[in-house]
Amino acid sequence: MLNQKELSQLKKGDEVKHFLLLNKMETKTTRANKNYLSLELRDKSAVFPAKIWDNFEDFLSKAKEGDVVRVEGVIEEFNNQPQIRIVSIDLANESDNVSQKDFLPVSERNLNEMIDEFNSFVNSIQNRFLRELLDKILDKKTFEKYINVPAGKAWHHSYVHGLLEHTIEILKICDLMCKIHPELDRDLLLTGAVLHDFGKTEELTYENSFDYTDEGRLLGHITIAALRIQEAADKIENFPGKLLTLLLHLVLSHQGKLEHASPVEPKTLEAIVLYHADELSAKANAYKLAIKADEDKEGNWTRFLPLAGTMLFADKKQNGEEPKETLFD
């Protein structure tokens, strides 16, 4: 076990003597045409940028993304964001007894409980074509990836088992909407929920670090999922063409807007429900994690979040006092 303070707990001026995961590494050039090494370093709690301005050639020649490194430095701030000023950095060695898994965040939910919840929803699907399709797609090897891969590299559910947790949240929202609006095709909607981000099993890596595969960068998870669904449906005798079209529409439209990389916009009742369920799960999780990451920060507001376009109000209790129920208490 690592015995070191989490990155999220460090403040400006704090000393860094940590083992960290090298999340990203690239050579960049300043306006004065000087080369430097730009890094992303992470533990389970946070990802911090870092820079090496001089004498980085030796490290660059032997290090690669996904390596565990031993870092000494100081926490600084740049544009109100924490970063590490590196004093020294080197690869960890075998005797340090650390591995990549020590630095990858994991869902706080119990995995077996989530698998049981997931299977309960899948087993409730009555349409035999959709059940057979799910059985073909989520075979043993693929399901192992499905339950471990994060739902995203950085923004929401960006931890091991994240896709499973995200999918269960969406299944619960969609199931509730089917009770409110019984005209929804529940079997179709739940199948779309299960498969909407299925392509991330091939788009993302999770064993040593969270990153994109070559297939992921070239095709993206939506295209990957659509191709796999079509391939599986072709192997099922008499799979209804209209059902396949409606299912593919759910997957292709689940990001809602063309400007959000959605190939088409939602055009069925089930598709609009899936889109909003996905948005609700993703943003609630991302905002919750952003607030948690800044829980030790002074004041009631997080730092500015570029992906959210705003700061978030954390409503921290001051001096341990409980909030009053009314203005007159």
Protein backbone atom coordinates (compact mmCIF):
# COMPACT_ATOMS: atom_id res chain seq x y z
CA MET A 1 0.00 0.00 0.00
CA LEU A 2 1.17 3.52 -0.77
CA ASN A 3 1.84 5.69 2.25
CA GLN A 4 1.65 9.17 0.79
CA LYS A 5 -0.73 12.11 0.82
CA GLU A 6 -3.22 12.24 -2.04
CA LEU A 7 -2.62 14.86 -4.73
CA SER A 8 -6.09 16.31 -4.15
CA GLN A 9 -5.06 17.19 -0.57
CA LEU A 10 -1.94 19.13 -1.56
CA LYS A 11 -1.96 22.92 -1.66
CA LYS A 12 0.22 25.59 -3.20
CA GLY A 13 3.69 25.45 -1.67
CA ASP A 14 3.40 21.85 -0.46
CA GLU A 15 6.32 19.55 -1.09
CA VAL A 16 5.89 16.57 -3.41
CA LYS A 17 7.79 13.35 -2.70
CA HIS A 18 5.50 10.89 -4.39
CA PHE A 19 5.19 7.86 -6.58
CA LEU A 20 2.79 8.84 -9.39
CA LEU A 21 1.51 7.44 -12.66
CA LEU A 22 2.78 9.10 -15.83
CA ASN A 23 -0.56 9.76 -17.49
CA LYS A 24 0.65 11.79 -20.45
CA MET A 25 3.98 13.03 -21.84
CA GLU A 26 4.80 15.25 -24.81
CA THR A 27 7.50 17.64 -25.94
CA LYS A 28 6.34 21.21 -26.50
CA THR A 29 7.96 24.48 -27.56
CA THR A 30 7.73 27.91 -25.89
CA ARG A 31 7.22 31.12 -27.82
CA ALA A 32 10.95 31.67 -27.46
CA ASN A 33 11.47 28.39 -29.36
CA LYS A 34 12.72 26.49 -26.29
CA ASN A 35 11.72 22.84 -25.92
CA TYR A 36 10.26 21.54 -22.66
CA LEU A 37 8.56 18.36 -21.48
CA SER A 38 4.88 18.60 -20.57
CA LEU A 39 3.54 15.86 -18.30
CA GLU A 40 0.33 14.74 -16.63
CA LEU A 41 0.86 12.90 -13.34
CA ARG A 42 -1.88 11.16 -11.43
CA ASP A 43 -2.85 9.18 -8.37
CA LYS A 44 -6.31 7.85 -7.46
CA SER A 45 -7.52 11.29 -6.40
CA ALA A 46 -6.41 13.72 -9.10
CA VAL A 47 -4.43 14.44 -12.26
CA PHE A 48 -1.91 17.31 -12.11
CA PRO A 49 0.07 18.85 -14.96
CA ALA A 50 3.83 19.20 -14.60
CA LYS A 51 6.70 20.56 -16.67
CA ILE A 52 10.40 19.82 -17.03
CA TRP A 53 12.24 22.75 -18.55
CA ASP A 54 15.79 21.47 -18.79
CA ASN A 55 17.81 18.26 -19.02
CA PHE A 56 14.83 16.01 -19.76
CA GLU A 57 16.30 14.09 -22.69
CA ASP A 58 17.43 11.10 -20.62
CA PHE A 59 14.04 10.75 -18.92
CA LEU A 60 12.24 11.15 -22.26
CA SER A 61 14.31 8.37 -23.83
CA LYS A 62 13.41 5.78 -21.20
CA ALA A 63 9.95 6.75 -19.93
CA LYS A 64 6.58 6.08 -21.53
CA GLU A 65 2.98 6.87 -20.71
CA GLY A 66 1.65 4.40 -18.14
CA ASP A 67 4.94 4.15 -16.24
CA VAL A 68 5.14 4.68 -12.49
CA VAL A 69 7.57 7.48 -11.63
CA ARG A 70 9.23 8.80 -8.47
CA VAL A 71 8.75 12.57 -8.29
CA GLU A 72 10.16 15.33 -6.11
CA GLY A 73 8.90 18.87 -6.50
CA VAL A 74 6.58 21.60 -5.26
CA ILE A 75 2.90 22.41 -5.86
CA GLU A 76 2.44 25.66 -7.75
CA GLU A 77 -0.55 27.29 -9.44
CA PHE A 78 -0.95 28.37 -13.04
CA ASN A 79 -4.19 30.01 -14.20
CA ASN A 80 -5.69 29.08 -10.80
CA GLN A 81 -4.98 25.41 -11.45
CA PRO A 82 -2.51 23.32 -9.41
CA GLN A 83 0.57 22.00 -11.13
CA ILE A 84 3.81 20.34 -10.03
CA ARG A 85 7.15 22.08 -10.45
CA ILE A 86 9.47 19.12 -10.83
CA VAL A 87 12.84 19.11 -9.08
CA SER A 88 13.65 15.49 -9.95
CA ILE A 89 11.87 12.61 -11.66
CA ASP A 90 12.83 9.02 -12.43
CA LEU A 91 11.23 5.68 -13.13
CA ALA A 92 10.18 3.60 -10.15
CA ASN A 93 11.93 0.27 -9.90
CA GLU A 94 10.77 -3.20 -8.89
CA SER A 95 12.02 -2.87 -5.33
CA ASP A 96 9.66 0.11 -4.78
CA ASN A 97 6.78 -2.41 -4.80
CA VAL A 98 4.31 -0.17 -6.63
CA SER A 99 2.22 -0.84 -9.73
CA GLN A 100 -0.03 1.08 -12.10
CA LYS A 101 -3.15 -0.21 -10.34
CA ASP A 102 -2.11 1.67 -7.19
CA PHE A 103 -2.83 4.95 -9.00
CA LEU A 104 -6.03 4.25 -10.92
CA PRO A 105 -9.28 5.39 -9.26
CA VAL A 106 -11.96 2.75 -8.70
CA SER A 107 -15.72 3.07 -8.26
CA GLU A 108 -16.80 3.38 -4.65
CA ARG A 109 -19.67 0.99 -5.36
CA ASN A 110 -19.32 -2.74 -4.73
CA LEU A 111 -18.63 -4.50 -8.03
CA ASN A 112 -20.64 -7.66 -7.30
CA GLU A 113 -23.66 -5.60 -6.28
CA MET A 114 -23.45 -3.63 -9.52
CA ILE A 115 -23.17 -6.82 -11.60
CA ASP A 116 -26.27 -8.20 -9.88
CA GLU A 117 -28.19 -4.97 -10.57
CA PHE A 118 -27.06 -4.97 -14.19
CA ASN A 119 -28.06 -8.61 -14.73
CA SER A 120 -31.43 -7.97 -13.12
CA PHE A 121 -32.22 -5.30 -15.71
CA VAL A 122 -30.96 -7.44 -18.61
CA ASN A 123 -32.98 -10.45 -17.42
CA SER A 124 -36.11 -8.29 -17.33
CA ILE A 125 -35.94 -7.69 -21.10
CA GLN A 126 -38.64 -9.83 -22.72
CA ASN A 127 -37.94 -9.40 -26.44
CA ARG A 128 -36.12 -12.58 -27.52
CA PHE A 129 -34.22 -10.90 -30.35
CA LEU A 130 -32.84 -8.20 -28.07
CA ARG A 131 -31.91 -10.75 -25.38
CA GLU A 132 -30.09 -12.90 -27.93
CA LEU A 133 -28.35 -9.82 -29.29
CA LEU A 134 -27.12 -8.86 -25.81
CA ASP A 135 -25.93 -12.42 -25.18
CA LYS A 136 -23.90 -12.39 -28.39
CA ILE A 137 -22.37 -8.95 -27.81
CA LEU A 138 -21.63 -9.30 -24.10
CA ASP A 139 -19.81 -12.63 -24.21
CA LYS A 140 -17.49 -13.56 -21.34
CA LYS A 141 -14.40 -11.78 -22.71
CA THR A 142 -16.29 -8.60 -23.64
CA PHE A 143 -18.24 -8.51 -20.38
CA GLU A 144 -14.96 -8.57 -18.45
CA LYS A 145 -13.99 -5.37 -20.26
CA TYR A 146 -17.49 -3.91 -19.88
CA ILE A 147 -17.45 -4.17 -16.09
CA ASN A 148 -13.93 -2.76 -15.71
CA VAL A 149 -13.51 0.02 -18.26
CA PRO A 150 -14.12 3.64 -17.21
CA ALA A 151 -16.98 5.56 -18.82
CA GLY A 152 -14.57 8.33 -19.79
CA LYS A 153 -10.92 9.28 -19.63
CA ALA A 154 -11.39 12.34 -17.44
CA TRP A 155 -14.83 13.99 -17.24
CA HIS A 156 -17.38 11.60 -15.72
CA HIS A 157 -17.25 8.09 -14.19
CA SER A 158 -13.54 8.19 -15.01
CA TYR A 159 -12.53 5.26 -12.87
CA VAL A 160 -12.35 1.47 -13.03
CA HIS A 161 -15.92 0.01 -13.20
CA GLY A 162 -17.11 3.48 -14.30
CA LEU A 163 -18.97 2.33 -17.41
CA LEU A 164 -20.91 -0.25 -15.42
CA GLU A 165 -21.86 2.29 -12.75
CA HIS A 166 -22.85 4.86 -15.40
CA THR A 167 -24.94 2.31 -17.30
CA ILE A 168 -26.81 1.18 -14.18
CA GLU A 169 -27.69 4.81 -13.38
CA ILE A 170 -29.08 5.22 -16.90
CA LEU A 171 -31.00 1.94 -16.68
CA LYS A 172 -32.64 3.13 -13.45
CA ILE A 173 -33.61 6.48 -14.99
CA CYS A 174 -34.98 4.81 -18.14
CA ASP A 175 -36.90 2.25 -16.08
CA LEU A 176 -38.49 5.06 -14.06
CA MET A 177 -39.44 6.90 -17.24
CA CYS A 178 -41.14 3.74 -18.55
CA LYS A 179 -43.31 3.71 -15.41
CA ILE A 180 -44.19 7.38 -15.97
CA HIS A 181 -44.71 6.93 -19.73
CA PRO A 182 -45.92 3.36 -20.36
CA GLU A 183 -46.03 3.98 -24.12
CA LEU A 184 -42.22 3.75 -24.15
CA ASP A 185 -40.82 0.49 -25.52
CA ARG A 186 -39.05 -0.62 -22.34
CA ASP A 187 -37.18 -3.55 -23.91
CA LEU A 188 -35.80 -1.37 -26.69
CA LEU A 189 -34.91 1.50 -24.33
CA LEU A 190 -33.11 -0.70 -21.80
CA THR A 191 -31.19 -2.47 -24.56
CA GLY A 192 -30.15 0.92 -25.91
CA ALA A 193 -29.03 1.93 -22.41
CA VAL A 194 -26.89 -1.20 -22.07
CA LEU A 195 -25.27 -0.72 -25.48
CA HIS A 196 -25.09 3.09 -25.81
CA ASP A 197 -21.47 3.27 -24.54
CA PHE A 198 -20.58 -0.35 -25.20
CA GLY A 199 -17.99 0.81 -27.77
CA LYS A 200 -15.86 2.16 -24.93
CA THR A 201 -14.77 -1.42 -24.23
CA GLU A 202 -12.70 -1.05 -27.41
CA GLU A 203 -12.19 2.73 -27.34
CA LEU A 204 -10.46 2.96 -23.95
CA THR A 205 -7.70 1.16 -22.09
CA TYR A 206 -7.78 0.70 -18.33
CA GLU A 207 -5.12 -1.84 -17.38
CA ASN A 208 -2.19 0.55 -16.83
CA SER A 209 -3.72 3.96 -17.53
CA PHE A 210 -6.86 5.49 -19.00
CA ASP A 211 -6.20 6.27 -22.64
CA TYR A 212 -7.58 5.82 -26.15
CA THR A 213 -6.77 2.81 -28.30
CA ASP A 214 -5.88 3.25 -31.97
CA GLU A 215 -9.35 1.95 -32.90
CA GLY A 216 -10.88 4.34 -30.40
CA ARG A 217 -9.13 7.36 -31.86
CA LEU A 218 -9.87 6.35 -35.45
CA LEU A 219 -13.51 5.28 -35.07
CA GLY A 220 -14.87 6.44 -31.70
CA HIS A 221 -17.11 4.47 -29.38
CA ILE A 222 -20.37 5.27 -31.18
CA THR A 223 -19.16 3.88 -34.50
CA ILE A 224 -17.58 0.86 -32.81
CA ALA A 225 -20.85 0.04 -31.02
CA ALA A 226 -22.96 0.43 -34.17
CA LEU A 227 -20.66 -1.88 -36.14
CA ARG A 228 -20.71 -4.54 -33.41
CA ILE A 229 -24.51 -4.37 -33.09
CA GLN A 230 -24.96 -4.77 -36.85
CA GLU A 231 -22.50 -7.67 -36.89
CA ALA A 232 -24.29 -9.47 -34.06
CA ALA A 233 -27.76 -8.87 -35.53
CA ASP A 234 -26.64 -10.35 -38.86
CA LYS A 235 -25.95 -13.64 -37.03
CA ILE A 236 -29.46 -13.84 -35.56
CA GLU A 237 -31.98 -15.47 -37.86
CA ASN A 238 -34.90 -13.22 -38.84
CA PHE A 239 -33.78 -10.32 -36.63
CA PRO A 240 -36.42 -7.64 -37.40
CA GLY A 241 -35.03 -4.90 -39.62
CA LYS A 242 -37.13 -2.15 -38.04
CA LEU A 243 -36.06 -3.19 -34.52
CA LEU A 244 -32.41 -3.05 -35.56
CA THR A 245 -32.88 0.40 -37.09
CA LEU A 246 -34.54 1.74 -33.94
CA LEU A 247 -31.81 0.27 -31.72
CA LEU A 248 -29.04 1.69 -33.89
CA HIS A 249 -30.77 5.07 -33.76
CA LEU A 250 -30.64 4.97 -29.95
CA VAL A 251 -26.89 4.36 -29.99
CA LEU A 252 -26.13 6.82 -32.79
CA SER A 253 -28.17 9.65 -31.24
CA HIS A 254 -27.41 9.24 -27.54
CA GLN A 255 -25.07 12.26 -27.39
CA GLY A 256 -27.97 14.40 -28.51
CA LYS A 257 -26.44 17.10 -30.67
CA LEU A 258 -24.44 17.05 -33.88
CA GLU A 259 -21.97 19.46 -32.29
CA HIS A 260 -21.48 16.92 -29.49
CA ALA A 261 -20.27 14.32 -32.02
CA SER A 262 -23.65 12.62 -32.28
CA PRO A 263 -24.07 11.31 -35.88
CA VAL A 264 -27.81 12.01 -35.68
CA GLU A 265 -30.09 13.78 -33.22
CA PRO A 266 -32.76 11.88 -31.24
CA LYS A 267 -35.90 11.38 -33.31
CA THR A 268 -37.88 8.81 -31.29
CA LEU A 269 -39.39 8.97 -27.82
CA GLU A 270 -36.98 6.30 -26.59
CA ALA A 271 -34.01 8.16 -28.06
CA ILE A 272 -34.83 11.46 -26.35
CA VAL A 273 -35.24 9.66 -23.00
CA LEU A 274 -31.90 7.87 -23.42
CA TYR A 275 -30.13 11.10 -24.35
CA HIS A 276 -31.38 12.95 -21.28
CA ALA A 277 -30.76 9.95 -18.98
CA ASP A 278 -27.17 9.83 -20.25
CA GLU A 279 -26.75 13.59 -19.72
CA LEU A 280 -28.19 13.44 -16.21
CA SER A 281 -25.97 10.55 -15.12
CA ALA A 282 -22.82 12.02 -16.67
CA LYS A 283 -23.20 15.58 -15.44
CA ALA A 284 -24.35 14.69 -11.93
CA ASN A 285 -21.32 12.45 -11.55
CA ALA A 286 -18.88 14.95 -13.08
CA TYR A 287 -20.14 17.82 -10.91
CA LYS A 288 -20.07 15.64 -7.79
CA LEU A 289 -16.46 14.64 -8.47
CA ALA A 290 -15.45 18.24 -9.17
CA ILE A 291 -16.91 19.38 -5.84
CA LYS A 292 -15.21 16.52 -4.01
CA ALA A 293 -11.85 17.32 -5.65
CA ASP A 294 -12.00 20.85 -4.20
CA GLU A 295 -13.46 19.98 -0.80
CA ASP A 296 -10.28 21.18 0.95
CA LYS A 297 -10.25 24.44 -0.99
CA GLU A 298 -11.17 27.59 0.95
CA GLY A 299 -14.57 29.11 0.28
CA ASN A 300 -17.79 27.68 -1.06
CA TRP A 301 -16.85 27.59 -4.74
CA THR A 302 -14.79 25.18 -6.79
CA ARG A 303 -12.18 26.40 -9.22
CA PHE A 304 -13.42 27.24 -12.74
CA LEU A 305 -14.20 24.06 -14.68
CA PRO A 306 -13.63 24.52 -18.43
CA LEU A 307 -15.84 21.55 -19.41
CA ALA A 308 -18.68 22.86 -17.24
CA GLY A 309 -18.08 26.49 -18.22
CA THR A 310 -18.53 27.63 -14.62
CA MET A 311 -17.47 27.29 -11.00
CA LEU A 312 -19.70 25.13 -8.79
CA PHE A 313 -21.21 26.07 -5.44
CA ALA A 314 -20.16 23.54 -2.78
CA ASP A 315 -22.14 24.96 0.19
CA LYS A 316 -19.59 23.97 2.82
CA LYS A 317 -20.58 24.27 6.46
CA GLN A 318 -18.58 27.01 8.16
CA ASN A 319 -17.01 26.30 11.57
CA GLY A 320 -18.89 23.03 11.85
CA GLU A 321 -22.25 24.80 12.27
CA GLU A 322 -25.34 23.16 10.92
CA PRO A 323 -27.39 25.35 8.56
CA LYS A 324 -30.49 26.90 10.14
CA GLU A 325 -33.83 25.63 8.92
CA THR A 326 -35.31 29.12 8.47
CA LEU A 327 -34.19 32.72 8.65
CA PHE A 328 -35.88 33.00 12.06
CA ASP A 329 -34.16 30.09 13.86
